C-alpha atoms as a PDB file:
ATOM      1  CA  MET A   1     -10.697   2.769 -21.839  1.00  0.00           C
ATOM      2  CA  ALA A   2      -9.680   3.112 -17.724  1.00  0.00           C
ATOM      3  CA  HIS A   3     -12.880   2.329 -14.866  1.00  0.00           C
ATOM      4  CA  ILE A   4     -14.427   3.968 -12.447  1.00  0.00           C
ATOM      5  CA  PHE A   5     -16.119   1.725  -9.834  1.00  0.00           C
ATOM      6  CA  LEU A   6     -17.950   2.858  -6.676  1.00  0.00           C
ATOM      7  CA  ILE A   7     -17.493   1.338  -3.984  1.00  0.00           C
ATOM      8  CA  GLY A   8     -19.778  -0.987  -3.675  1.00  0.00           C
ATOM      9  CA  GLN A   9     -18.925  -2.140  -7.235  1.00  0.00           C
ATOM     10  CA  LEU A  10     -15.252  -2.563  -5.882  1.00  0.00           C
ATOM     11  CA  ALA A  11     -16.563  -4.918  -3.794  1.00  0.00           C
ATOM     12  CA  THR A  12     -18.368  -7.342  -6.288  1.00  0.00           C
ATOM     13  CA  GLN A  13     -15.133  -7.019  -8.344  1.00  0.00           C
ATOM     14  CA  THR A  14     -13.123  -8.447  -5.872  1.00  0.00           C
ATOM     15  CA  GLU A  15     -14.473 -10.104  -3.204  1.00  0.00           C
ATOM     16  CA  VAL A  16     -14.291  -7.750  -0.563  1.00  0.00           C
ATOM     17  CA  ASN A  17     -16.795  -6.899   1.701  1.00  0.00           C
ATOM     18  CA  ILE A  18     -17.225  -2.902   2.378  1.00  0.00           C
ATOM     19  CA  GLU A  19     -16.229  -2.240   5.468  1.00  0.00           C
ATOM     20  CA  THR A  20     -12.754  -4.632   4.798  1.00  0.00           C
ATOM     21  CA  ILE A  21     -11.924  -1.683   2.020  1.00  0.00           C
ATOM     22  CA  ARG A  22     -13.029   1.158   4.346  1.00  0.00           C
ATOM     23  CA  TYR A  23     -10.853  -0.126   6.736  1.00  0.00           C
ATOM     24  CA  TYR A  24      -7.831  -0.835   3.909  1.00  0.00           C
ATOM     25  CA  GLU A  25      -8.002   2.910   2.653  1.00  0.00           C
ATOM     26  CA  LYS A  26      -7.455   3.594   6.214  1.00  0.00           C
ATOM     27  CA  ILE A  27      -4.938   2.257   7.410  1.00  0.00           C
ATOM     28  CA  GLY A  28      -3.008   2.597   4.035  1.00  0.00           C
ATOM     29  CA  LEU A  29      -3.511  -0.123   2.293  1.00  0.00           C
ATOM     30  CA  LEU A  30      -5.164   0.822  -0.536  1.00  0.00           C
ATOM     31  CA  PRO A  31      -4.774   4.589  -0.989  1.00  0.00           C
ATOM     32  CA  LYS A  32      -7.679   7.143  -0.752  1.00  0.00           C
ATOM     33  CA  ALA A  33     -10.409   6.797  -2.827  1.00  0.00           C
ATOM     34  CA  GLN A  34     -11.108   9.217  -4.855  1.00  0.00           C
ATOM     35  CA  ARG A  35     -14.434  11.526  -4.302  1.00  0.00           C
ATOM     36  CA  SER A  36     -17.023  12.403  -7.188  1.00  0.00           C
ATOM     37  CA  ALA A  37     -19.165  15.838  -6.940  1.00  0.00           C
ATOM     38  CA  GLY A  38     -21.369  14.081  -3.959  1.00  0.00           C
ATOM     39  CA  GLY A  39     -18.717  13.023  -2.009  1.00  0.00           C
ATOM     40  CA  ASN A  40     -18.849   9.281  -3.371  1.00  0.00           C
ATOM     41  CA  ARG A  41     -15.915   7.504  -3.277  1.00  0.00           C
ATOM     42  CA  GLN A  42     -14.340   6.396  -7.025  1.00  0.00           C
ATOM     43  CA  TYR A  43     -11.918   3.684  -7.784  1.00  0.00           C
ATOM     44  CA  SER A  44     -10.064   2.313 -10.611  1.00  0.00           C
ATOM     45  CA  ASP A  45      -8.227  -0.629 -11.919  1.00  0.00           C
ATOM     46  CA  ASP A  46      -5.372   0.002 -10.644  1.00  0.00           C
ATOM     47  CA  ASP A  47      -7.188   0.111  -6.899  1.00  0.00           C
ATOM     48  CA  VAL A  48      -9.181  -3.229  -8.504  1.00  0.00           C
ATOM     49  CA  LYS A  49      -5.943  -4.977  -8.937  1.00  0.00           C
ATOM     50  CA  ARG A  50      -4.405  -3.984  -5.754  1.00  0.00           C
ATOM     51  CA  LEU A  51      -7.565  -5.296  -3.416  1.00  0.00           C
ATOM     52  CA  ARG A  52      -7.594  -8.345  -5.497  1.00  0.00           C
ATOM     53  CA  PHE A  53      -3.530  -8.671  -4.850  1.00  0.00           C
ATOM     54  CA  ILE A  54      -4.106  -7.579  -0.747  1.00  0.00           C
ATOM     55  CA  ARG A  55      -6.886 -10.704  -0.763  1.00  0.00           C
ATOM     56  CA  ARG A  56      -5.101 -13.124  -2.474  1.00  0.00           C
ATOM     57  CA  CYS A  57      -2.007 -12.414   0.704  1.00  0.00           C
ATOM     58  CA  ARG A  58      -5.061 -12.610   3.390  1.00  0.00           C
ATOM     59  CA  GLN A  59      -5.826 -16.124   1.702  1.00  0.00           C
ATOM     60  CA  LEU A  60      -2.902 -17.482   2.220  1.00  0.00           C
ATOM     61  CA  ASP A  61      -2.511 -15.891   6.143  1.00  0.00           C
ATOM     62  CA  PHE A  62      -0.532 -13.010   5.187  1.00  0.00           C
ATOM     63  CA  ASN A  63      -1.005 -10.497   7.850  1.00  0.00           C
ATOM     64  CA  ILE A  64      -1.437  -6.664   7.346  1.00  0.00           C
ATOM     65  CA  SER A  65       2.246  -5.834   8.083  1.00  0.00           C
ATOM     66  CA  GLU A  66       3.010  -8.689   6.275  1.00  0.00           C
ATOM     67  CA  ILE A  67       1.370  -6.919   3.561  1.00  0.00           C
ATOM     68  CA  SER A  68       1.885  -3.285   3.908  1.00  0.00           C
ATOM     69  CA  ALA A  69       5.499  -3.773   3.751  1.00  0.00           C
ATOM     70  CA  LEU A  70       5.210  -6.110   0.572  1.00  0.00           C
ATOM     71  CA  LEU A  71       3.231  -3.682  -0.756  1.00  0.00           C
ATOM     72  CA  ALA A  72       5.452  -0.713  -0.307  1.00  0.00           C
ATOM     73  CA  MET A  73       8.695  -2.040  -1.316  1.00  0.00           C
ATOM     74  CA  LEU A  74       6.780  -2.877  -4.729  1.00  0.00           C
ATOM     75  CA  ASP A  75       4.627   0.182  -4.350  1.00  0.00           C
ATOM     76  CA  ASN A  76       9.328   1.789  -4.320  1.00  0.00           C
ATOM     77  CA  GLN A  77       9.819  -0.906  -7.342  1.00  0.00           C
ATOM     78  CA  GLN A  78      12.708  -2.016  -4.418  1.00  0.00           C
ATOM     79  CA  LEU A  79      11.834  -5.686  -4.298  1.00  0.00           C
ATOM     80  CA  THR A  80      13.261  -8.492  -6.483  1.00  0.00           C
ATOM     81  CA  CYS A  81      12.662 -12.101  -7.363  1.00  0.00           C
ATOM     82  CA  ASN A  82      14.754 -13.088  -4.883  1.00  0.00           C
ATOM     83  CA  GLU A  83      13.612 -11.179  -2.234  1.00  0.00           C
ATOM     84  CA  ILE A  84       9.589 -12.489  -3.024  1.00  0.00           C
ATOM     85  CA  TYR A  85      11.040 -15.911  -3.304  1.00  0.00           C
ATOM     86  CA  ASP A  86      12.346 -15.397   0.619  1.00  0.00           C
ATOM     87  CA  PHE A  87       9.282 -13.997   1.918  1.00  0.00           C
ATOM     88  CA  THR A  88       7.222 -16.203   1.331  1.00  0.00           C
ATOM     89  CA  GLN A  89       9.946 -18.817   2.065  1.00  0.00           C
ATOM     90  CA  ASN A  90       9.456 -17.109   5.119  1.00  0.00           C
ATOM     91  CA  HIS A  91       6.587 -17.296   5.654  1.00  0.00           C
ATOM     92  CA  LEU A  92       5.858 -21.020   4.536  1.00  0.00           C
ATOM     93  CA  LYS A  93       8.311 -21.848   7.458  1.00  0.00           C
ATOM     94  CA  SER A  94       5.899 -19.961   9.891  1.00  0.00           C
ATOM     95  CA  ILE A  95       2.866 -22.268   8.308  1.00  0.00           C
ATOM     96  CA  ALA A  96       4.690 -25.009   9.569  1.00  0.00           C
ATOM     97  CA  VAL A  97       4.522 -24.291  12.468  1.00  0.00           C
ATOM     98  CA  LYS A  98       0.785 -23.729  12.845  1.00  0.00           C
ATOM     99  CA  ILE A  99       0.045 -26.422  10.605  1.00  0.00           C
ATOM    100  CA  SER A 100       2.192 -28.461  14.229  1.00  0.00           C
ATOM    101  CA  SER A 101       0.683 -26.287  16.560  1.00  0.00           C
ATOM    102  CA  LEU A 102      -2.691 -27.180  15.255  1.00  0.00           C
ATOM    103  CA  LYS A 103      -2.082 -30.577  14.256  1.00  0.00           C
ATOM    104  CA  LYS A 104      -1.700 -31.184  18.738  1.00  0.00           C
ATOM    105  CA  MET A 105      -4.081 -29.594  18.973  1.00  0.00           C
ATOM    106  CA  GLN A 106      -6.528 -31.965  17.198  1.00  0.00           C
ATOM    107  CA  LYS A 107      -4.234 -34.420  19.406  1.00  0.00           C
ATOM    108  CA  ASN A 108      -5.570 -32.796  22.655  1.00  0.00           C
ATOM    109  CA  LEU A 109      -8.704 -32.127  21.619  1.00  0.00           C
ATOM    110  CA  THR A 110      -9.544 -36.247  19.992  1.00  0.00           C
ATOM    111  CA  THR A 111      -8.401 -37.441  23.486  1.00  0.00           C
ATOM    112  CA  MET A 112     -10.452 -35.615  25.448  1.00  0.00           C
ATOM    113  CA  ALA A 113     -13.124 -35.846  23.366  1.00  0.00           C
ATOM    114  CA  LYS A 114     -12.709 -39.697  23.331  1.00  0.00           C
ATOM    115  CA  LYS A 115     -12.679 -39.802  27.815  1.00  0.00           C
ATOM    116  CA  CYS A 116     -16.113 -38.256  27.769  1.00  0.00           C
ATOM    117  CA  ASN A 117     -18.580 -40.482  27.877  1.00  0.00           C
ATOM    118  CA  ARG A 118     -21.551 -38.011  26.840  1.00  0.00           C
ATOM    119  CA  GLY A 119     -23.935 -38.875  29.822  1.00  0.00           C
ATOM    120  CA  GLN A 120     -26.793 -35.802  30.757  1.00  0.00           C
ATOM    121  CA  SER A 121     -24.916 -35.148  33.329  1.00  0.00           C
ATOM    122  CA  PRO A 122     -23.396 -32.027  34.893  1.00  0.00           C
ATOM    123  CA  ASP A 123     -20.064 -33.846  34.918  1.00  0.00           C
ATOM    124  CA  CYS A 124     -17.782 -34.278  32.142  1.00  0.00           C
ATOM    125  CA  ALA A 125     -14.553 -35.148  31.639  1.00  0.00           C
ATOM    126  CA  ILE A 126     -13.384 -32.421  29.353  1.00  0.00           C
ATOM    127  CA  ILE A 127     -14.685 -30.029  31.969  1.00  0.00           C
ATOM    128  CA  ASP A 128     -12.364 -32.028  33.787  1.00  0.00           C
ATOM    129  CA  ILE A 129      -9.345 -32.089  31.811  1.00  0.00           C
ATOM    130  CA  LEU A 130      -9.465 -28.379  30.936  1.00  0.00           C
ATOM    131  CA  PHE A 131      -9.445 -27.005  34.293  1.00  0.00           C
ATOM    132  CA  ASP A 132      -6.408 -29.693  35.093  1.00  0.00           C
END
């Protein structure tokens, strides 16, 4: 049996806030919702499934354009498992670059923090380093 969800119910079902749902609809990640006679947005089980997919992709740090491209290929049934694998591998490479960058930031911040004497004067080694 198909279910009809109002936007608040969709938000609860998918753990995505209402403003984000409206945004995804506006940019085309979600199809425009059907409207009730009273003008309320109405969503289907397929919308729940799609929004959960989008949320999971965002949790994995896929950006909006990547999700849009992936959904377009899925919607047109023009995506093979091998292409999904390649897509995932490319994303893994970009995450590895981000991790490397974050590790460098962590090292730099740790080094800066060690140089701070945590005194009560406005003179601070961290600020001095940031200005250098």
